[in-house]
Amino acid sequence: LVEKNPRTGNLGSLIKVFLSRTKELKISAECQNHLFIWQAHNALFIICCLLKVFISRMSEEELQLHFTYEEKT
């Protein structure tokens, strides 16, 4: 993931999906939909773990590459 993420943008995509789903999280909690809450929790946990690894092993410039994905044709 560390090597391929600047080309694929997987981490950025995961963060975008999580942020788009947070709008539905409040409704899910009101409806007692625990499956959706678990999925959101797991996504946030994965993001947290990946960021912890990235921050501990990379310089600021390298870290910036993981969040500035541009699709190449």
PDB file of N, CA and C in Angstrom:
ATOM      1  N   LEU A   1       0.833  -1.198   0.000  1.00  0.00           N
ATOM      2  CA  LEU A   1       0.000   0.000   0.000  1.00  0.00           C
ATOM      3  C   LEU A   1       0.873   1.256   0.000  1.00  0.00           C
ATOM      4  N   VAL A   2       1.935   1.228   0.774  1.00  0.00           N
ATOM      5  CA  VAL A   2       2.803   2.401   0.857  1.00  0.00           C
ATOM      6  C   VAL A   2       3.416   2.718  -0.498  1.00  0.00           C
ATOM      7  N   GLU A   3       3.826   1.679  -1.229  1.00  0.00           N
ATOM      8  CA  GLU A   3       4.466   1.897  -2.522  1.00  0.00           C
ATOM      9  C   GLU A   3       3.471   2.289  -3.610  1.00  0.00           C
ATOM     10  N   LYS A   4       2.294   1.685  -3.619  1.00  0.00           N
ATOM     11  CA  LYS A   4       1.363   1.873  -4.721  1.00  0.00           C
ATOM     12  C   LYS A   4       0.320   2.960  -4.486  1.00  0.00           C
ATOM     13  N   ASN A   5       0.135   3.385  -3.250  1.00  0.00           N
ATOM     14  CA  ASN A   5      -0.910   4.360  -2.961  1.00  0.00           C
ATOM     15  C   ASN A   5      -0.760   5.687  -3.720  1.00  0.00           C
ATOM     16  N   PRO A   6       0.451   6.235  -3.886  1.00  0.00           N
ATOM     17  CA  PRO A   6       0.533   7.479  -4.651  1.00  0.00           C
ATOM     18  C   PRO A   6       0.005   7.344  -6.083  1.00  0.00           C
ATOM     19  N   ARG A   7       0.105   6.138  -6.667  1.00  0.00           N
ATOM     20  CA  ARG A   7      -0.412   5.913  -8.017  1.00  0.00           C
ATOM     21  C   ARG A   7      -1.896   5.565  -8.022  1.00  0.00           C
ATOM     22  N   THR A   8      -2.340   4.818  -7.013  1.00  0.00           N
ATOM     23  CA  THR A   8      -3.718   4.334  -7.022  1.00  0.00           C
ATOM     24  C   THR A   8      -4.688   5.242  -6.286  1.00  0.00           C
ATOM     25  N   GLY A   9      -4.223   5.938  -5.272  1.00  0.00           N
ATOM     26  CA  GLY A   9      -5.100   6.816  -4.508  1.00  0.00           C
ATOM     27  C   GLY A   9      -6.072   6.081  -3.606  1.00  0.00           C
ATOM     28  N   ASN A  10      -5.725   4.871  -3.181  1.00  0.00           N
ATOM     29  CA  ASN A  10      -6.627   4.060  -2.370  1.00  0.00           C
ATOM     30  C   ASN A  10      -6.945   4.686  -1.019  1.00  0.00           C
ATOM     31  N   LEU A  11      -5.955   5.235  -0.344  1.00  0.00           N
ATOM     32  CA  LEU A  11      -6.198   5.846   0.959  1.00  0.00           C
ATOM     33  C   LEU A  11      -7.121   7.056   0.825  1.00  0.00           C
ATOM     34  N   GLY A  12      -6.875   7.881  -0.169  1.00  0.00           N
ATOM     35  CA  GLY A  12      -7.741   9.035  -0.404  1.00  0.00           C
ATOM     36  C   GLY A  12      -9.167   8.620  -0.719  1.00  0.00           C
ATOM     37  N   SER A  13      -9.318   7.549  -1.484  1.00  0.00           N
ATOM     38  CA  SER A  13     -10.651   7.042  -1.803  1.00  0.00           C
ATOM     39  C   SER A  13     -11.360   6.541  -0.555  1.00  0.00           C
ATOM     40  N   LEU A  14     -10.643   5.843   0.310  1.00  0.00           N
ATOM     41  CA  LEU A  14     -11.237   5.355   1.554  1.00  0.00           C
ATOM     42  C   LEU A  14     -11.699   6.520   2.426  1.00  0.00           C
ATOM     43  N   ILE A  15     -10.905   7.556   2.499  1.00  0.00           N
ATOM     44  CA  ILE A  15     -11.274   8.726   3.299  1.00  0.00           C
ATOM     45  C   ILE A  15     -12.501   9.410   2.698  1.00  0.00           C
ATOM     46  N   LYS A  16     -12.552   9.552   1.372  1.00  0.00           N
ATOM     47  CA  LYS A  16     -13.712  10.172   0.723  1.00  0.00           C
ATOM     48  C   LYS A  16     -14.982   9.372   0.954  1.00  0.00           C
ATOM     49  N   VAL A  17     -14.889   8.056   0.859  1.00  0.00           N
ATOM     50  CA  VAL A  17     -16.058   7.201   1.098  1.00  0.00           C
ATOM     51  C   VAL A  17     -16.512   7.329   2.546  1.00  0.00           C
ATOM     52  N   PHE A  18     -15.560   7.317   3.478  1.00  0.00           N
ATOM     53  CA  PHE A  18     -15.932   7.464   4.886  1.00  0.00           C
ATOM     54  C   PHE A  18     -16.622   8.793   5.133  1.00  0.00           C
ATOM     55  N   LEU A  19     -16.084   9.868   4.593  1.00  0.00           N
ATOM     56  CA  LEU A  19     -16.683  11.186   4.808  1.00  0.00           C
ATOM     57  C   LEU A  19     -18.075  11.282   4.186  1.00  0.00           C
ATOM     58  N   SER A  20     -18.272  10.666   3.039  1.00  0.00           N
ATOM     59  CA  SER A  20     -19.598  10.711   2.419  1.00  0.00           C
ATOM     60  C   SER A  20     -20.605   9.888   3.214  1.00  0.00           C
ATOM     61  N   ARG A  21     -20.142   8.823   3.862  1.00  0.00           N
ATOM     62  CA  ARG A  21     -21.038   7.966   4.636  1.00  0.00           C
ATOM     63  C   ARG A  21     -21.358   8.539   6.010  1.00  0.00           C
ATOM     64  N   THR A  22     -20.558   9.475   6.505  1.00  0.00           N
ATOM     65  CA  THR A  22     -20.817  10.030   7.830  1.00  0.00           C
ATOM     66  C   THR A  22     -22.142  10.781   7.876  1.00  0.00           C
ATOM     67  N   LYS A  23     -22.596  11.281   6.739  1.00  0.00           N
ATOM     68  CA  LYS A  23     -23.890  11.971   6.698  1.00  0.00           C
ATOM     69  C   LYS A  23     -25.025  11.014   7.044  1.00  0.00           C
ATOM     70  N   GLU A  24     -24.855   9.762   6.663  1.00  0.00           N
ATOM     71  CA  GLU A  24     -25.881   8.755   6.912  1.00  0.00           C
ATOM     72  C   GLU A  24     -25.732   8.105   8.286  1.00  0.00           C
ATOM     73  N   LEU A  25     -24.639   8.378   8.973  1.00  0.00           N
ATOM     74  CA  LEU A  25     -24.357   7.712  10.234  1.00  0.00           C
ATOM     75  C   LEU A  25     -25.366   8.079  11.321  1.00  0.00           C
ATOM     76  N   LYS A  26     -25.763   9.332  11.390  1.00  0.00           N
ATOM     77  CA  LYS A  26     -26.729   9.759  12.404  1.00  0.00           C
ATOM     78  C   LYS A  26     -28.067   9.062  12.195  1.00  0.00           C
ATOM     79  N   ILE A  27     -28.520   8.992  10.957  1.00  0.00           N
ATOM     80  CA  ILE A  27     -29.776   8.309  10.646  1.00  0.00           C
ATOM     81  C   ILE A  27     -29.671   6.837  11.016  1.00  0.00           C
ATOM     82  N   SER A  28     -28.534   6.240  10.731  1.00  0.00           N
ATOM     83  CA  SER A  28     -28.312   4.833  11.033  1.00  0.00           C
ATOM     84  C   SER A  28     -28.376   4.584  12.537  1.00  0.00           C
ATOM     85  N   ALA A  29     -27.795   5.481  13.318  1.00  0.00           N
ATOM     86  CA  ALA A  29     -27.818   5.328  14.775  1.00  0.00           C
ATOM     87  C   ALA A  29     -29.236   5.437  15.307  1.00  0.00           C
ATOM     88  N   GLU A  30     -30.032   6.327  14.746  1.00  0.00           N
ATOM     89  CA  GLU A  30     -31.422   6.484  15.181  1.00  0.00           C
ATOM     90  C   GLU A  30     -32.261   5.256  14.848  1.00  0.00           C
ATOM     91  N   CYS A  31     -31.910   4.568  13.766  1.00  0.00           N
ATOM     92  CA  CYS A  31     -32.662   3.378  13.330  1.00  0.00           C
ATOM     93  C   CYS A  31     -32.092   2.090  13.922  1.00  0.00           C
ATOM     94  N   GLN A  32     -31.106   2.202  14.791  1.00  0.00           N
ATOM     95  CA  GLN A  32     -30.478   1.038  15.410  1.00  0.00           C
ATOM     96  C   GLN A  32     -29.838   0.110  14.370  1.00  0.00           C
ATOM     97  N   ASN A  33     -29.306   0.672  13.296  1.00  0.00           N
ATOM     98  CA  ASN A  33     -28.653  -0.114  12.259  1.00  0.00           C
ATOM     99  C   ASN A  33     -27.186  -0.303  12.647  1.00  0.00           C
ATOM    100  N   HIS A  34     -26.909  -1.348  13.401  1.00  0.00           N
ATOM    101  CA  HIS A  34     -25.562  -1.563  13.931  1.00  0.00           C
ATOM    102  C   HIS A  34     -24.564  -1.974  12.858  1.00  0.00           C
ATOM    103  N   LEU A  35     -25.019  -2.619  11.811  1.00  0.00           N
ATOM    104  CA  LEU A  35     -24.111  -3.042  10.750  1.00  0.00           C
ATOM    105  C   LEU A  35     -23.432  -1.831  10.113  1.00  0.00           C
ATOM    106  N   PHE A  36     -24.197  -0.800   9.814  1.00  0.00           N
ATOM    107  CA  PHE A  36     -23.636   0.408   9.212  1.00  0.00           C
ATOM    108  C   PHE A  36     -22.659   1.085  10.164  1.00  0.00           C
ATOM    109  N   ILE A  37     -23.005   1.105  11.444  1.00  0.00           N
ATOM    110  CA  ILE A  37     -22.123   1.720  12.444  1.00  0.00           C
ATOM    111  C   ILE A  37     -20.815   0.936  12.532  1.00  0.00           C
ATOM    112  N   TRP A  38     -20.853  -0.376  12.504  1.00  0.00           N
ATOM    113  CA  TRP A  38     -19.641  -1.184  12.537  1.00  0.00           C
ATOM    114  C   TRP A  38     -18.783  -0.930  11.304  1.00  0.00           C
ATOM    115  N   GLN A  39     -19.409  -0.818  10.129  1.00  0.00           N
ATOM    116  CA  GLN A  39     -18.657  -0.559   8.907  1.00  0.00           C
ATOM    117  C   GLN A  39     -17.947   0.785   8.980  1.00  0.00           C
ATOM    118  N   ALA A  40     -18.631   1.802   9.478  1.00  0.00           N
ATOM    119  CA  ALA A  40     -18.024   3.124   9.623  1.00  0.00           C
ATOM    120  C   ALA A  40     -16.881   3.079  10.638  1.00  0.00           C
ATOM    121  N   HIS A  41     -17.083   2.376  11.726  1.00  0.00           N
ATOM    122  CA  HIS A  41     -16.045   2.233  12.744  1.00  0.00           C
ATOM    123  C   HIS A  41     -14.818   1.532  12.173  1.00  0.00           C
ATOM    124  N   ASN A  42     -15.026   0.459  11.425  1.00  0.00           N
ATOM    125  CA  ASN A  42     -13.908  -0.280  10.832  1.00  0.00           C
ATOM    126  C   ASN A  42     -13.147   0.569   9.826  1.00  0.00           C
ATOM    127  N   ALA A  43     -13.860   1.333   9.013  1.00  0.00           N
ATOM    128  CA  ALA A  43     -13.199   2.203   8.042  1.00  0.00           C
ATOM    129  C   ALA A  43     -12.359   3.257   8.748  1.00  0.00           C
ATOM    130  N   LEU A  44     -12.907   3.844   9.797  1.00  0.00           N
ATOM    131  CA  LEU A  44     -12.165   4.854  10.550  1.00  0.00           C
ATOM    132  C   LEU A  44     -10.950   4.243  11.241  1.00  0.00           C
ATOM    133  N   PHE A  45     -11.088   3.015  11.741  1.00  0.00           N
ATOM    134  CA  PHE A  45      -9.969   2.321  12.372  1.00  0.00           C
ATOM    135  C   PHE A  45      -8.852   2.064  11.366  1.00  0.00           C
ATOM    136  N   ILE A  46      -9.206   1.627  10.160  1.00  0.00           N
ATOM    137  CA  ILE A  46      -8.215   1.372   9.118  1.00  0.00           C
ATOM    138  C   ILE A  46      -7.497   2.668   8.740  1.00  0.00           C
ATOM    139  N   ILE A  47      -8.245   3.743   8.576  1.00  0.00           N
ATOM    140  CA  ILE A  47      -7.651   5.039   8.245  1.00  0.00           C
ATOM    141  C   ILE A  47      -6.683   5.465   9.343  1.00  0.00           C
ATOM    142  N   CYS A  48      -7.088   5.306  10.585  1.00  0.00           N
ATOM    143  CA  CYS A  48      -6.240   5.683  11.719  1.00  0.00           C
ATOM    144  C   CYS A  48      -4.941   4.878  11.732  1.00  0.00           C
ATOM    145  N   CYS A  49      -5.040   3.581  11.540  1.00  0.00           N
ATOM    146  CA  CYS A  49      -3.842   2.726  11.538  1.00  0.00           C
ATOM    147  C   CYS A  49      -2.905   3.078  10.392  1.00  0.00           C
ATOM    148  N   LEU A  50      -3.467   3.290   9.208  1.00  0.00           N
ATOM    149  CA  LEU A  50      -2.631   3.635   8.059  1.00  0.00           C
ATOM    150  C   LEU A  50      -1.940   4.974   8.261  1.00  0.00           C
ATOM    151  N   LEU A  51      -2.656   5.950   8.776  1.00  0.00           N
ATOM    152  CA  LEU A  51      -2.037   7.255   9.007  1.00  0.00           C
ATOM    153  C   LEU A  51      -0.928   7.171  10.045  1.00  0.00           C
ATOM    154  N   LYS A  52      -1.129   6.358  11.061  1.00  0.00           N
ATOM    155  CA  LYS A  52      -0.105   6.196  12.090  1.00  0.00           C
ATOM    156  C   LYS A  52       1.176   5.619  11.476  1.00  0.00           C
ATOM    157  N   VAL A  53       1.034   4.615  10.622  1.00  0.00           N
ATOM    158  CA  VAL A  53       2.200   4.016   9.962  1.00  0.00           C
ATOM    159  C   VAL A  53       2.849   5.013   9.013  1.00  0.00           C
ATOM    160  N   PHE A  54       2.025   5.689   8.210  1.00  0.00           N
ATOM    161  CA  PHE A  54       2.573   6.653   7.252  1.00  0.00           C
ATOM    162  C   PHE A  54       3.330   7.767   7.958  1.00  0.00           C
ATOM    163  N   ILE A  55       2.760   8.312   9.014  1.00  0.00           N
ATOM    164  CA  ILE A  55       3.390   9.432   9.720  1.00  0.00           C
ATOM    165  C   ILE A  55       4.690   9.002  10.383  1.00  0.00           C
ATOM    166  N   SER A  56       4.730   7.784  10.903  1.00  0.00           N
ATOM    167  CA  SER A  56       5.946   7.338  11.599  1.00  0.00           C
ATOM    168  C   SER A  56       7.069   6.976  10.638  1.00  0.00           C
ATOM    169  N   ARG A  57       6.761   6.648   9.388  1.00  0.00           N
ATOM    170  CA  ARG A  57       7.797   6.161   8.467  1.00  0.00           C
ATOM    171  C   ARG A  57       8.145   7.107   7.330  1.00  0.00           C
ATOM    172  N   MET A  58       7.403   8.179   7.157  1.00  0.00           N
ATOM    173  CA  MET A  58       7.617   9.027   5.983  1.00  0.00           C
ATOM    174  C   MET A  58       7.916  10.461   6.359  1.00  0.00           C
ATOM    175  N   SER A  59       8.596  11.122   5.439  1.00  0.00           N
ATOM    176  CA  SER A  59       8.809  12.553   5.601  1.00  0.00           C
ATOM    177  C   SER A  59       7.529  13.279   5.197  1.00  0.00           C
ATOM    178  N   GLU A  60       7.482  14.550   5.481  1.00  0.00           N
ATOM    179  CA  GLU A  60       6.289  15.336   5.155  1.00  0.00           C
ATOM    180  C   GLU A  60       6.045  15.379   3.650  1.00  0.00           C
ATOM    181  N   GLU A  61       7.094  15.444   2.854  1.00  0.00           N
ATOM    182  CA  GLU A  61       6.953  15.477   1.398  1.00  0.00           C
ATOM    183  C   GLU A  61       6.385  14.163   0.862  1.00  0.00           C
ATOM    184  N   GLU A  62       6.896  13.040   1.395  1.00  0.00           N
ATOM    185  CA  GLU A  62       6.390  11.737   0.972  1.00  0.00           C
ATOM    186  C   GLU A  62       4.935  11.556   1.385  1.00  0.00           C
ATOM    187  N   LEU A  63       4.610  12.013   2.580  1.00  0.00           N
ATOM    188  CA  LEU A  63       3.241  11.903   3.069  1.00  0.00           C
ATOM    189  C   LEU A  63       2.280  12.711   2.202  1.00  0.00           C
ATOM    190  N   GLN A  64       2.726  13.851   1.750  1.00  0.00           N
ATOM    191  CA  GLN A  64       1.895  14.693   0.893  1.00  0.00           C
ATOM    192  C   GLN A  64       1.555  13.983  -0.415  1.00  0.00           C
ATOM    193  N   LEU A  65       2.444  13.166  -0.937  1.00  0.00           N
ATOM    194  CA  LEU A  65       2.181  12.422  -2.165  1.00  0.00           C
ATOM    195  C   LEU A  65       0.978  11.491  -2.024  1.00  0.00           C
ATOM    196  N   HIS A  66       0.749  10.999  -0.844  1.00  0.00           N
ATOM    197  CA  HIS A  66      -0.353  10.063  -0.618  1.00  0.00           C
ATOM    198  C   HIS A  66      -1.713  10.757  -0.602  1.00  0.00           C
ATOM    199  N   PHE A  67      -1.719  12.074  -0.474  1.00  0.00           N
ATOM    200  CA  PHE A  67      -2.981  12.808  -0.430  1.00  0.00           C
ATOM    201  C   PHE A  67      -3.181  13.729  -1.625  1.00  0.00           C
ATOM    202  N   THR A  68      -2.239  13.729  -2.550  1.00  0.00           N
ATOM    203  CA  THR A  68      -2.354  14.580  -3.731  1.00  0.00           C
ATOM    204  C   THR A  68      -2.399  13.727  -4.986  1.00  0.00           C
ATOM    205  N   TYR A  69      -3.251  12.738  -4.976  1.00  0.00           N
ATOM    206  CA  TYR A  69      -3.377  11.818  -6.116  1.00  0.00           C
ATOM    207  C   TYR A  69      -3.996  12.531  -7.314  1.00  0.00           C
ATOM    208  N   GLU A  70      -3.357  12.370  -8.462  1.00  0.00           N
ATOM    209  CA  GLU A  70      -3.910  12.868  -9.721  1.00  0.00           C
ATOM    210  C   GLU A  70      -3.906  11.726 -10.709  1.00  0.00           C
ATOM    211  N   GLU A  71      -5.049  11.458 -11.303  1.00  0.00           N
ATOM    212  CA  GLU A  71      -5.145  10.355 -12.251  1.00  0.00           C
ATOM    213  C   GLU A  71      -4.337  10.676 -13.494  1.00  0.00           C
ATOM    214  N   LYS A  72      -3.496   9.731 -13.907  1.00  0.00           N
ATOM    215  CA  LYS A  72      -2.670   9.915 -15.083  1.00  0.00           C
ATOM    216  C   LYS A  72      -3.251   9.104 -16.216  1.00  0.00           C
ATOM    217  N   THR A  73      -3.367   9.718 -17.382  1.00  0.00           N
ATOM    218  CA  THR A  73      -3.935   9.023 -18.532  1.00  0.00           C
ATOM    219  C   THR A  73      -2.852   8.397 -19.366  1.00  0.00           C
TER     220      THR A  73
END
